[in-house]
Protein backbone atom coordinates (compact mmCIF):
# COMPACT_ATOMS: atom_id res chain seq x y z
CA MET A 1 19.46 -23.18 -34.13
CA THR A 2 19.65 -20.67 -31.31
CA THR A 3 19.80 -16.94 -31.74
CA GLU A 4 22.29 -14.93 -29.75
CA ILE A 5 22.97 -11.24 -29.87
CA ASN A 6 26.47 -10.34 -28.78
CA PRO A 7 27.03 -6.67 -27.90
CA ALA A 8 30.62 -6.99 -29.01
CA THR A 9 29.71 -8.01 -32.56
CA THR A 10 26.32 -6.36 -33.14
CA PRO A 11 24.93 -2.86 -32.85
CA SER A 12 23.37 -3.69 -29.46
CA GLY A 13 26.32 -2.05 -27.76
CA GLU A 14 24.99 1.19 -29.15
CA TYR A 15 21.87 0.84 -27.04
CA VAL A 16 23.89 1.06 -23.83
CA SER A 17 24.93 4.54 -24.88
CA HIS A 18 21.40 5.29 -26.05
CA PHE A 19 19.97 4.40 -22.65
CA THR A 20 22.59 6.56 -20.95
CA ASP A 21 21.41 9.47 -23.07
CA LEU A 22 17.80 8.78 -22.15
CA MET A 23 18.66 8.51 -18.47
CA ARG A 24 20.44 11.86 -18.63
CA THR A 25 17.38 13.50 -20.20
CA VAL A 26 15.06 12.06 -17.56
CA LYS A 27 17.33 13.19 -14.73
CA ASP A 28 17.66 16.67 -16.19
CA GLU A 29 13.86 16.93 -16.23
CA GLY A 30 13.80 16.05 -12.51
CA LEU A 31 11.58 13.02 -13.11
CA LEU A 32 13.58 10.74 -10.78
CA GLU A 33 13.20 13.07 -7.81
CA ARG A 34 10.98 11.85 -4.95
CA ARG A 35 7.42 13.19 -4.78
CA HIS A 36 6.79 13.10 -1.04
CA GLY A 37 3.68 15.25 -1.13
CA TYR A 38 2.05 13.07 -3.77
CA TYR A 39 2.69 9.85 -1.87
CA TRP A 40 1.67 11.20 1.54
CA MET A 41 -1.59 12.34 -0.07
CA GLN A 42 -2.10 8.93 -1.70
CA ILE A 43 -1.47 7.12 1.57
CA GLY A 44 -3.73 9.48 3.52
CA VAL A 45 -6.60 9.31 1.03
CA HIS A 46 -6.57 5.52 0.82
CA VAL A 47 -6.14 4.95 4.55
CA GLY A 48 -9.12 7.28 5.04
CA ALA A 49 -11.14 5.39 2.44
CA PHE A 50 -10.22 2.06 4.06
CA PHE A 51 -11.46 3.07 7.49
CA GLY A 52 -14.42 4.91 5.96
CA ILE A 53 -15.59 1.65 4.38
CA TRP A 54 -15.30 -0.14 7.70
CA ALA A 55 -17.25 2.64 9.43
CA ALA A 56 -19.98 2.21 6.81
CA PHE A 57 -19.83 -1.56 7.41
CA PHE A 58 -20.86 -1.11 11.05
CA VAL A 59 -23.57 1.42 10.12
CA VAL A 60 -25.14 -0.73 7.39
CA GLY A 61 -25.24 -3.83 9.59
CA ASN A 62 -27.11 -6.97 8.55
CA SER A 63 -27.91 -6.09 4.96
CA TRP A 64 -27.03 -7.38 1.51
CA TRP A 65 -25.88 -3.84 0.74
CA GLN A 66 -22.73 -4.97 2.50
CA LEU A 67 -21.69 -6.58 -0.79
CA ALA A 68 -21.31 -3.12 -2.34
CA LEU A 69 -18.96 -2.23 0.52
CA ALA A 70 -17.11 -5.51 -0.04
CA ALA A 71 -16.51 -4.58 -3.67
CA ALA A 72 -15.35 -1.09 -2.66
CA LEU A 73 -13.01 -2.63 -0.10
CA GLY A 74 -11.55 -4.89 -2.79
CA VAL A 75 -10.79 -1.84 -4.93
CA ILE A 76 -9.15 0.06 -2.06
CA VAL A 77 -7.10 -2.95 -0.95
CA THR A 78 -5.81 -3.16 -4.53
CA GLN A 79 -4.57 0.41 -4.18
CA PHE A 80 -2.60 -0.61 -1.09
CA GLY A 81 -1.02 -3.32 -3.21
CA PHE A 82 0.05 -0.64 -5.69
CA LEU A 83 1.39 1.61 -2.94
CA GLY A 84 3.33 -1.32 -1.50
CA HIS A 85 4.71 -1.94 -5.00
CA ASP A 86 5.86 1.68 -5.26
CA ALA A 87 7.52 1.63 -1.85
CA ALA A 88 9.24 -1.66 -2.66
CA HIS A 89 10.73 0.02 -5.74
CA ARG A 90 11.95 2.86 -3.49
CA GLN A 91 9.83 5.40 -5.29
CA MET A 92 8.58 7.10 -2.13
CA PHE A 93 11.55 7.95 0.09
CA ALA A 94 15.31 8.30 -0.15
CA SER A 95 15.74 6.01 2.85
CA ALA A 96 15.74 2.29 2.02
CA ALA A 97 14.44 1.51 5.52
CA TRP A 98 11.53 3.95 5.17
CA ASN A 99 10.56 2.39 1.85
CA SER A 100 10.83 -1.16 3.18
CA TRP A 101 8.76 -0.52 6.30
CA THR A 102 6.18 1.47 4.35
CA ALA A 103 5.85 -1.46 1.94
CA ARG A 104 5.54 -3.94 4.84
CA ILE A 105 2.82 -1.93 6.56
CA LEU A 106 0.82 -1.03 3.46
CA ALA A 107 1.16 -4.39 1.71
CA GLY A 108 1.09 -6.58 4.81
CA GLY A 109 -1.16 -4.68 7.18
CA PHE A 110 -3.72 -3.37 4.67
CA ALA A 111 -3.54 -5.78 1.72
CA GLY A 112 -2.36 -8.98 3.44
CA LEU A 113 0.66 -9.49 1.18
CA SER A 114 4.21 -10.45 2.17
CA PHE A 115 6.58 -7.68 1.12
CA ALA A 116 9.71 -9.89 1.17
CA TRP A 117 8.12 -12.67 -0.90
CA TRP A 118 6.71 -10.28 -3.45
CA ARG A 119 9.92 -8.25 -3.73
CA ALA A 120 12.07 -11.32 -4.42
CA LYS A 121 9.64 -12.55 -7.07
CA HIS A 122 9.13 -9.13 -8.64
CA ASN A 123 12.85 -8.35 -8.77
CA MET A 124 13.42 -11.47 -10.87
CA HIS A 125 10.69 -10.31 -13.23
CA HIS A 126 12.30 -6.89 -13.64
CA LYS A 127 15.73 -8.38 -14.32
CA GLY A 128 14.45 -10.63 -17.09
CA PRO A 129 10.90 -9.80 -18.21
CA ASN A 130 9.45 -12.55 -20.42
CA LEU A 131 12.76 -14.42 -20.24
CA GLU A 132 11.85 -18.08 -20.54
CA GLY A 133 13.03 -20.16 -17.60
CA TYR A 134 13.75 -17.08 -15.48
CA ASP A 135 10.79 -14.71 -15.25
CA PRO A 136 8.45 -16.19 -12.60
CA ASP A 137 5.49 -14.38 -14.14
CA ILE A 138 5.56 -16.73 -17.16
CA GLY A 139 6.67 -19.83 -15.27
CA PRO A 140 4.58 -22.99 -14.75
CA GLY A 141 1.28 -22.38 -13.02
CA ALA A 142 -2.44 -22.63 -13.62
CA ILE A 143 -1.99 -20.77 -16.93
CA ALA A 144 0.51 -21.94 -19.57
CA PHE A 145 2.22 -18.84 -20.96
CA THR A 146 4.76 -20.51 -23.24
CA PRO A 147 4.54 -23.26 -25.88
CA GLY A 148 7.00 -25.34 -23.86
CA ILE A 149 4.58 -25.48 -20.93
CA VAL A 150 1.63 -26.07 -23.26
CA ALA A 151 3.42 -29.08 -24.75
CA GLN A 152 3.40 -30.72 -21.32
CA ARG A 153 -0.39 -30.37 -21.01
CA THR A 154 -1.97 -32.18 -23.91
CA THR A 155 -4.23 -34.78 -22.29
CA GLY A 156 -6.99 -35.02 -19.73
CA PHE A 157 -8.29 -31.98 -17.87
CA ALA A 158 -4.99 -30.12 -18.38
CA GLY A 159 -5.32 -30.50 -22.15
CA TRP A 160 -8.94 -29.40 -22.08
CA PHE A 161 -8.13 -26.41 -19.90
CA VAL A 162 -5.12 -25.15 -21.86
CA LYS A 163 -7.19 -24.99 -25.06
CA ARG A 164 -9.59 -22.59 -23.34
CA GLN A 165 -7.24 -20.78 -20.99
CA GLY A 166 -7.53 -17.45 -22.78
CA TRP A 167 -11.26 -17.27 -22.05
CA LEU A 168 -10.74 -18.58 -18.51
CA PHE A 169 -7.84 -16.27 -17.64
CA PHE A 170 -9.83 -13.27 -16.42
CA PRO A 171 -12.43 -15.32 -14.48
CA LEU A 172 -9.52 -17.11 -12.80
CA LEU A 173 -8.16 -13.76 -11.62
CA THR A 174 -11.02 -13.67 -9.11
CA LEU A 175 -9.11 -16.38 -7.23
CA GLU A 176 -5.80 -14.50 -7.35
CA GLY A 177 -6.49 -12.69 -4.07
CA LEU A 178 -6.72 -16.00 -2.20
CA ASN A 179 -3.62 -17.27 -3.98
CA LEU A 180 -1.60 -14.18 -3.01
CA HIS A 181 -2.63 -14.52 0.63
CA ALA A 182 -1.72 -18.21 0.65
CA GLU A 183 1.66 -17.58 -1.02
CA SER A 184 2.42 -14.75 1.40
CA ILE A 185 1.75 -16.94 4.43
CA ARG A 186 3.67 -19.86 2.96
CA ALA A 187 6.70 -17.69 2.20
CA ALA A 188 6.64 -16.01 5.61
CA ARG A 189 6.50 -19.43 7.31
CA ASP A 190 9.47 -20.75 5.34
CA LYS A 191 12.15 -21.28 7.99
CA THR A 192 14.84 -21.74 5.35
CA SER A 193 14.25 -18.22 4.03
CA ASN A 194 16.86 -15.58 4.77
CA GLN A 195 14.44 -12.72 4.18
CA PRO A 196 14.70 -10.09 6.94
CA TRP A 197 11.73 -9.51 9.26
CA ARG A 198 10.06 -12.69 8.05
CA ARG A 199 8.29 -13.28 11.38
CA VAL A 200 7.06 -9.70 11.54
CA GLU A 201 5.54 -10.06 8.10
CA LEU A 202 3.95 -13.37 9.06
CA TRP A 203 2.42 -11.69 12.11
CA LEU A 204 1.12 -8.79 10.02
CA VAL A 205 -0.43 -10.96 7.32
CA VAL A 206 -1.97 -13.56 9.66
CA THR A 207 -3.22 -11.03 12.22
CA ARG A 208 -4.88 -8.99 9.50
CA LEU A 209 -6.56 -12.03 7.99
CA VAL A 210 -7.75 -13.41 11.36
CA ALA A 211 -9.07 -10.02 12.49
CA TYR A 212 -10.84 -9.55 9.14
CA VAL A 213 -12.61 -12.90 9.31
CA ALA A 214 -13.45 -12.45 12.99
CA ILE A 215 -15.12 -9.08 12.35
CA LEU A 216 -17.19 -10.50 9.50
CA LEU A 217 -18.37 -13.46 11.57
CA ALA A 218 -19.08 -11.31 14.62
CA PHE A 219 -21.26 -8.73 12.86
CA LEU A 220 -22.83 -10.63 9.97
CA PRO A 221 -24.74 -13.91 9.61
CA LEU A 222 -22.58 -16.70 8.22
CA GLY A 223 -23.99 -16.49 4.69
CA LYS A 224 -23.47 -12.74 4.39
CA ALA A 225 -20.03 -13.00 5.98
CA VAL A 226 -18.94 -15.60 3.43
CA ALA A 227 -20.42 -13.55 0.58
CA PHE A 228 -18.65 -10.38 1.79
CA PHE A 229 -15.32 -12.22 1.99
CA ALA A 230 -15.80 -13.83 -1.44
CA VAL A 231 -16.74 -10.57 -3.19
CA GLN A 232 -13.90 -8.60 -1.62
CA MET A 233 -11.32 -11.24 -2.50
CA ALA A 234 -12.67 -11.64 -6.04
CA VAL A 235 -12.59 -7.89 -6.72
CA PHE A 236 -9.12 -7.57 -5.19
CA GLY A 237 -7.69 -10.45 -7.22
CA PHE A 238 -9.32 -9.32 -10.45
CA CYS A 239 -8.30 -5.66 -10.13
CA LEU A 240 -4.70 -6.51 -9.27
CA GLY A 241 -4.35 -9.21 -11.92
CA ALA A 242 -6.07 -7.17 -14.61
CA SER A 243 -3.59 -4.35 -13.96
CA PHE A 244 -0.53 -6.54 -14.38
CA ALA A 245 -1.80 -8.75 -17.23
CA PRO A 246 -1.58 -6.28 -20.16
CA ALA A 247 2.02 -5.36 -19.37
CA HIS A 248 3.78 -8.37 -20.93
CA LYS A 249 1.29 -11.09 -21.83
CA GLY A 250 1.27 -11.57 -25.59
CA MET A 251 4.60 -9.81 -26.04
CA PRO A 252 7.65 -11.76 -27.27
CA ILE A 253 9.01 -14.55 -25.07
CA ILE A 254 12.80 -14.33 -24.88
CA PRO A 255 14.64 -17.66 -25.21
CA PRO A 256 17.27 -18.19 -22.50
CA GLU A 257 20.02 -18.28 -25.15
CA MET A 258 19.23 -14.81 -26.50
CA LYS A 259 21.27 -11.87 -25.19
CA LEU A 260 19.72 -8.43 -25.18
CA ASP A 261 20.89 -5.11 -23.80
CA PHE A 262 18.89 -3.45 -21.02
CA LEU A 263 17.09 -0.91 -23.20
CA ARG A 264 15.65 -3.37 -25.73
CA ARG A 265 15.06 -6.08 -23.12
CA GLN A 266 12.76 -3.75 -21.20
CA VAL A 267 11.05 -1.87 -24.04
CA MET A 268 10.47 -4.61 -26.58
CA VAL A 269 8.71 -7.07 -24.28
CA SER A 270 6.57 -4.47 -22.47
CA ARG A 271 3.27 -2.94 -23.49
CA ASN A 272 1.74 0.37 -22.39
CA VAL A 273 -1.97 0.98 -22.01
CA ARG A 274 -3.20 4.43 -23.01
CA GLY A 275 -3.86 6.36 -19.86
CA ASN A 276 -6.18 8.96 -18.41
CA PRO A 277 -6.68 9.88 -14.75
CA VAL A 278 -9.12 7.00 -14.17
CA VAL A 279 -6.97 4.37 -15.91
CA ASP A 280 -3.81 5.67 -14.22
CA TRP A 281 -5.45 5.33 -10.80
CA ALA A 282 -7.16 2.00 -11.45
CA MET A 283 -3.95 0.42 -12.75
CA GLY A 284 -1.66 2.05 -10.20
CA GLY A 285 0.45 3.61 -12.95
CA LEU A 286 1.30 0.18 -14.33
CA ASN A 287 -0.24 1.20 -17.64
CA TYR A 288 3.08 3.04 -18.18
CA GLN A 289 4.87 -0.29 -18.05
CA ILE A 290 7.69 0.62 -20.44
CA GLU A 291 8.67 3.69 -18.45
CA HIS A 292 8.34 1.77 -15.19
CA HIS A 293 10.67 -0.98 -16.39
CA LEU A 294 13.25 1.50 -17.63
CA PHE A 295 13.10 3.58 -14.44
CA PRO A 296 11.75 1.39 -11.60
CA SER A 297 12.47 3.98 -8.90
CA MET A 298 10.65 6.78 -10.74
CA PRO A 299 7.61 7.98 -8.76
CA ARG A 300 4.42 6.73 -10.30
CA CYS A 301 3.08 10.21 -10.98
CA ASN A 302 6.14 11.03 -13.12
CA LEU A 303 5.78 8.08 -15.49
CA ARG A 304 3.25 9.93 -17.63
CA LYS A 305 5.63 12.88 -17.89
CA ALA A 306 8.51 10.61 -18.91
CA GLN A 307 6.51 8.90 -21.64
CA PRO A 308 7.03 11.53 -24.39
CA PHE A 309 10.81 11.41 -23.89
CA VAL A 310 10.88 7.61 -23.98
CA LYS A 311 8.63 7.39 -27.06
CA ALA A 312 10.69 9.97 -28.94
CA HIS A 313 13.92 8.21 -27.95
CA CYS A 314 12.66 4.82 -29.13
CA GLU A 315 11.40 6.27 -32.40
CA ALA A 316 14.72 8.02 -33.04
CA HIS A 317 16.63 4.75 -32.57
CA GLY A 318 14.25 2.38 -34.36
CA ILE A 319 12.94 0.57 -31.28
CA ASP A 320 9.28 -0.40 -31.46
CA TYR A 321 7.21 1.16 -28.68
CA MET A 322 3.97 -0.72 -28.04
CA GLU A 323 0.94 1.18 -26.73
CA VAL A 324 -2.72 0.18 -27.10
CA GLY A 325 -6.08 0.92 -25.50
CA LEU A 326 -7.20 -0.91 -22.36
CA PHE A 327 -9.75 -3.23 -23.95
CA ARG A 328 -7.50 -3.88 -26.92
CA SER A 329 -4.77 -4.98 -24.48
CA TYR A 330 -7.15 -7.46 -22.87
CA ALA A 331 -8.16 -8.82 -26.28
CA ILE A 332 -4.48 -9.35 -27.10
CA VAL A 333 -3.95 -11.27 -23.85
CA VAL A 334 -6.93 -13.56 -24.48
CA ASP A 335 -5.93 -14.13 -28.11
CA TYR A 336 -2.34 -14.92 -27.20
CA LEU A 337 -3.27 -17.42 -24.50
CA ASN A 338 -5.79 -19.13 -26.76
CA ASN A 339 -3.28 -19.30 -29.60
CA VAL A 340 -0.59 -20.77 -27.38
CA GLY A 341 -3.05 -23.40 -26.23
CA LEU A 342 -4.63 -24.18 -29.60
CA ARG A 343 -1.70 -23.89 -31.98
CA ALA A 344 1.42 -23.58 -29.79
CA ARG A 345 2.21 -20.47 -31.79
CA ASP A 346 5.80 -19.33 -32.24
CA PRO A 347 6.28 -16.90 -29.33
CA PHE A 348 8.01 -14.50 -31.73
CA ASP A 349 4.95 -14.22 -33.96
CA CYS A 350 4.54 -10.49 -33.51
CA PRO A 351 5.75 -7.23 -35.09
CA LEU A 352 8.90 -7.25 -32.96
CA SER A 353 10.07 -10.58 -34.32
CA ALA A 354 12.62 -9.28 -36.79
CA GLN A 355 14.31 -7.02 -34.26
CA LEU A 356 14.49 -9.67 -31.54
CA ARG A 357 15.85 -12.29 -33.91
CA GLY A 358 18.64 -9.87 -34.84
């Protein structure tokens, strides 16, 4: 028996009005206004850090201390991924062209990621987070996020792996940097794609990667060059993946038949991580996932300011607002993935079940 919530026959229509009220409050507080100074500072600081690391690279020379610089580079490249994310959501500038080109340069030139590929994928996620069969972030891949995918992997290595995928999830994130580079190049080479500036992005991503490898091989022995590349990619993949993972993993999976209004669809399948200046920076503001999903174009630095209004609004209207500590969020992710693999748990086995079932 499928569950369907029809706004015409249930109270969900009320939530449309509720979100309008929340939007009005946020606008009145000026939280949707662009923060040009903040973003120019962020870009300047991280561009300076990027080139500072490379200057240190040439000073340090043939030394295993280069691995510390590789790790630092992985962290800074992650920040360019976050800045590209913000520009893609048009958080930085009023001009769509300025945002798009900023995202291409920061994501493609500094992080080696295809802006067009990522935007198309990420837009689908925002339209239907945790929506089974639609959200690419829970689709088939190395990790099985839904019982339906788990059911297809019961024998052989796949069966062995899926029973342990919760414990393997975070180690696997060290390979995510390589995967993102490969997917970016593949998408940019796709001649059937109608994405604008596809060849420019391909040139940016490939040129960056070739120049990066060439510099490593020219100034370091082969072993140290490979180690530098491996550490940087592992740190980049882990930092980026560990920032996105707590947002929705372990929250309810929405069956394709279920209809939800925008407010509940975004709030009830998203999880916040309690922030402080270090967490906010390390996670690129994605720890305020609920606010980000409700207001994707809100500048990152305003998400923290919007949180009290969103929490109070959800409490007033009986909508569960999920927020946990950083390490607790990771424990939830591991537990959920292990439970899906070991017991194919009902994806609605969580405190939000009753509300989502209507």
